[in-house]
């Protein structure tokens, strides 16, 4: 039960430590993060809603919290569109920092 949420929390746990340890500065640049997150949520959220409405996409009720958004999308699916890009950006910036290729002010 709650497997989807557990996976999302696991992804966050594996990526969020990069912020304080490597000081990648992703969370401090919240405006830039929003510029990435908003289009992802809008585009892929719409895509999901269309797929759900067409019957091409569904969710196992036993694996989600049971909080359903309009259109039949579970809350975890919306969180997926926020968590995965955040983890990807944290990972990317961590690699840039370690390799010494971070932007110089």
C-alpha atoms as a PDB file:
ATOM      1  CA  UNK A   1       0.000   0.000   0.000  1.00  0.00           C
ATOM      2  CA  UNK A   2       1.148   3.562  -0.747  1.00  0.00           C
ATOM      3  CA  UNK A   3       3.890   2.217  -2.997  1.00  0.00           C
ATOM      4  CA  UNK A   4       3.795   5.206  -5.359  1.00  0.00           C
ATOM      5  CA  UNK A   5       4.345   7.669  -2.508  1.00  0.00           C
ATOM      6  CA  UNK A   6       7.116   5.475  -1.082  1.00  0.00           C
ATOM      7  CA  UNK A   7       8.968   5.519  -4.408  1.00  0.00           C
ATOM      8  CA  UNK A   8       8.677   9.306  -4.632  1.00  0.00           C
ATOM      9  CA  UNK A   9       9.954   9.720  -1.073  1.00  0.00           C
ATOM     10  CA  UNK A  10      12.827   7.339  -1.864  1.00  0.00           C
ATOM     11  CA  UNK A  11      13.764   9.436  -4.901  1.00  0.00           C
ATOM     12  CA  UNK A  12      13.747  12.581  -2.787  1.00  0.00           C
ATOM     13  CA  UNK A  13      15.836  10.930  -0.070  1.00  0.00           C
ATOM     14  CA  UNK A  14      18.406   9.868  -2.647  1.00  0.00           C
ATOM     15  CA  UNK A  15      18.676  13.361  -4.157  1.00  0.00           C
ATOM     16  CA  UNK A  16      18.007  15.963  -1.461  1.00  0.00           C
ATOM     17  CA  UNK A  17      21.234  15.243   0.417  1.00  0.00           C
ATOM     18  CA  UNK A  18      23.102  16.742  -2.536  1.00  0.00           C
ATOM     19  CA  UNK A  19      21.850  20.206  -1.607  1.00  0.00           C
ATOM     20  CA  UNK A  20      23.494  20.549   1.829  1.00  0.00           C
ATOM     21  CA  UNK A  21      26.475  18.259   1.243  1.00  0.00           C
ATOM     22  CA  UNK A  22      27.635  19.527  -2.147  1.00  0.00           C
ATOM     23  CA  UNK A  23      25.943  22.921  -1.840  1.00  0.00           C
ATOM     24  CA  UNK A  24      24.574  22.788  -5.369  1.00  0.00           C
ATOM     25  CA  UNK A  25      22.196  25.715  -4.680  1.00  0.00           C
ATOM     26  CA  UNK A  26      19.174  24.347  -6.526  1.00  0.00           C
ATOM     27  CA  UNK A  27      16.662  25.036  -3.764  1.00  0.00           C
ATOM     28  CA  UNK A  28      18.004  28.555  -3.220  1.00  0.00           C
ATOM     29  CA  UNK A  29      17.171  29.365  -6.836  1.00  0.00           C
ATOM     30  CA  UNK A  30      13.474  28.654  -6.404  1.00  0.00           C
ATOM     31  CA  UNK A  31      12.381  30.998  -9.211  1.00  0.00           C
ATOM     32  CA  UNK A  32      14.474  29.085 -11.741  1.00  0.00           C
ATOM     33  CA  UNK A  33      13.151  25.841 -10.317  1.00  0.00           C
ATOM     34  CA  UNK A  34       9.591  27.073 -10.825  1.00  0.00           C
ATOM     35  CA  UNK A  35      10.405  27.974 -14.437  1.00  0.00           C
ATOM     36  CA  UNK A  36      11.242  24.313 -14.968  1.00  0.00           C
ATOM     37  CA  UNK A  37       8.522  22.770 -12.796  1.00  0.00           C
ATOM     38  CA  UNK A  38       5.480  24.696 -14.037  1.00  0.00           C
ATOM     39  CA  UNK A  39       5.780  23.710 -17.728  1.00  0.00           C
ATOM     40  CA  UNK A  40       6.467  20.084 -16.759  1.00  0.00           C
ATOM     41  CA  UNK A  41       3.370  19.935 -14.544  1.00  0.00           C
ATOM     42  CA  UNK A  42       1.187  21.642 -17.150  1.00  0.00           C
ATOM     43  CA  UNK A  43       2.296  19.639 -20.180  1.00  0.00           C
ATOM     44  CA  UNK A  44       2.580  16.200 -18.626  1.00  0.00           C
ATOM     45  CA  UNK A  45      -0.418  16.773 -16.356  1.00  0.00           C
ATOM     46  CA  UNK A  46      -2.552  17.557 -19.410  1.00  0.00           C
ATOM     47  CA  UNK A  47      -1.116  14.540 -21.215  1.00  0.00           C
ATOM     48  CA  UNK A  48      -1.990  12.297 -18.276  1.00  0.00           C
ATOM     49  CA  UNK A  49      -5.510  13.709 -18.015  1.00  0.00           C
ATOM     50  CA  UNK A  50      -6.093  13.061 -21.713  1.00  0.00           C
ATOM     51  CA  UNK A  51      -4.767   9.511 -21.396  1.00  0.00           C
ATOM     52  CA  UNK A  52      -6.938   8.876 -18.329  1.00  0.00           C
ATOM     53  CA  UNK A  53     -10.035  10.248 -20.096  1.00  0.00           C
ATOM     54  CA  UNK A  54      -9.335   8.058 -23.136  1.00  0.00           C
ATOM     55  CA  UNK A  55      -8.922   4.973 -20.955  1.00  0.00           C
ATOM     56  CA  UNK A  56      -5.280   4.486 -21.941  1.00  0.00           C
ATOM     57  CA  UNK A  57      -3.913   5.192 -18.474  1.00  0.00           C
ATOM     58  CA  UNK A  58      -5.102   4.077 -15.068  1.00  0.00           C
ATOM     59  CA  UNK A  59      -3.843   3.734 -11.514  1.00  0.00           C
ATOM     60  CA  UNK A  60      -3.996   0.882  -9.038  1.00  0.00           C
ATOM     61  CA  UNK A  61      -6.191   2.124  -6.193  1.00  0.00           C
ATOM     62  CA  UNK A  62      -4.316  -0.116  -3.757  1.00  0.00           C
ATOM     63  CA  UNK A  63      -0.994   1.608  -4.493  1.00  0.00           C
ATOM     64  CA  UNK A  64      -2.020   5.246  -4.037  1.00  0.00           C
ATOM     65  CA  UNK A  65      -3.191   7.357  -1.100  1.00  0.00           C
ATOM     66  CA  UNK A  66      -6.710   7.726  -2.430  1.00  0.00           C
ATOM     67  CA  UNK A  67      -6.540  11.502  -2.902  1.00  0.00           C
ATOM     68  CA  UNK A  68      -7.895  12.035  -6.400  1.00  0.00           C
ATOM     69  CA  UNK A  69      -7.543  15.266  -8.345  1.00  0.00           C
ATOM     70  CA  UNK A  70     -10.066  16.416 -10.930  1.00  0.00           C
ATOM     71  CA  UNK A  71      -9.959  14.189 -14.004  1.00  0.00           C
ATOM     72  CA  UNK A  72      -9.141  11.044 -12.039  1.00  0.00           C
ATOM     73  CA  UNK A  73      -5.448  11.738 -11.409  1.00  0.00           C
ATOM     74  CA  UNK A  74      -4.064  10.638  -8.052  1.00  0.00           C
ATOM     75  CA  UNK A  75      -2.121  13.165  -5.990  1.00  0.00           C
ATOM     76  CA  UNK A  76       1.037  11.077  -6.349  1.00  0.00           C
ATOM     77  CA  UNK A  77       0.989  11.529 -10.119  1.00  0.00           C
ATOM     78  CA  UNK A  78       1.076  15.299  -9.724  1.00  0.00           C
ATOM     79  CA  UNK A  79       3.865  14.934  -7.153  1.00  0.00           C
ATOM     80  CA  UNK A  80       5.749  12.750  -9.653  1.00  0.00           C
ATOM     81  CA  UNK A  81       5.910  15.704 -12.051  1.00  0.00           C
ATOM     82  CA  UNK A  82       7.495  17.798  -9.304  1.00  0.00           C
ATOM     83  CA  UNK A  83       9.770  15.231  -7.639  1.00  0.00           C
ATOM     84  CA  UNK A  84      11.398  13.666 -10.693  1.00  0.00           C
ATOM     85  CA  UNK A  85      12.496  16.949 -12.314  1.00  0.00           C
ATOM     86  CA  UNK A  86      13.773  18.189  -8.934  1.00  0.00           C
ATOM     87  CA  UNK A  87      15.827  15.020  -8.473  1.00  0.00           C
ATOM     88  CA  UNK A  88      17.152  15.265 -12.028  1.00  0.00           C
ATOM     89  CA  UNK A  89      18.200  18.893 -11.569  1.00  0.00           C
ATOM     90  CA  UNK A  90      19.853  18.139  -8.227  1.00  0.00           C
ATOM     91  CA  UNK A  91      21.757  15.260  -9.818  1.00  0.00           C
ATOM     92  CA  UNK A  92      22.790  17.322 -12.824  1.00  0.00           C
ATOM     93  CA  UNK A  93      24.013  20.219 -10.709  1.00  0.00           C
ATOM     94  CA  UNK A  94      25.874  17.847  -8.389  1.00  0.00           C
ATOM     95  CA  UNK A  95      27.726  16.323 -11.336  1.00  0.00           C
ATOM     96  CA  UNK A  96      28.573  19.797 -12.652  1.00  0.00           C
ATOM     97  CA  UNK A  97      29.873  20.809  -9.244  1.00  0.00           C
ATOM     98  CA  UNK A  98      31.980  17.675  -8.787  1.00  0.00           C
ATOM     99  CA  UNK A  99      33.463  17.987 -12.256  1.00  0.00           C
ATOM    100  CA  UNK A 100      34.203  21.657 -11.652  1.00  0.00           C
ATOM    101  CA  UNK A 101      32.020  22.916 -14.461  1.00  0.00           C
ATOM    102  CA  UNK A 102      29.563  24.949 -12.422  1.00  0.00           C
ATOM    103  CA  UNK A 103      28.809  28.454 -13.626  1.00  0.00           C
ATOM    104  CA  UNK A 104      31.200  31.042 -12.290  1.00  0.00           C
ATOM    105  CA  UNK A 105      29.569  34.263 -11.074  1.00  0.00           C
END
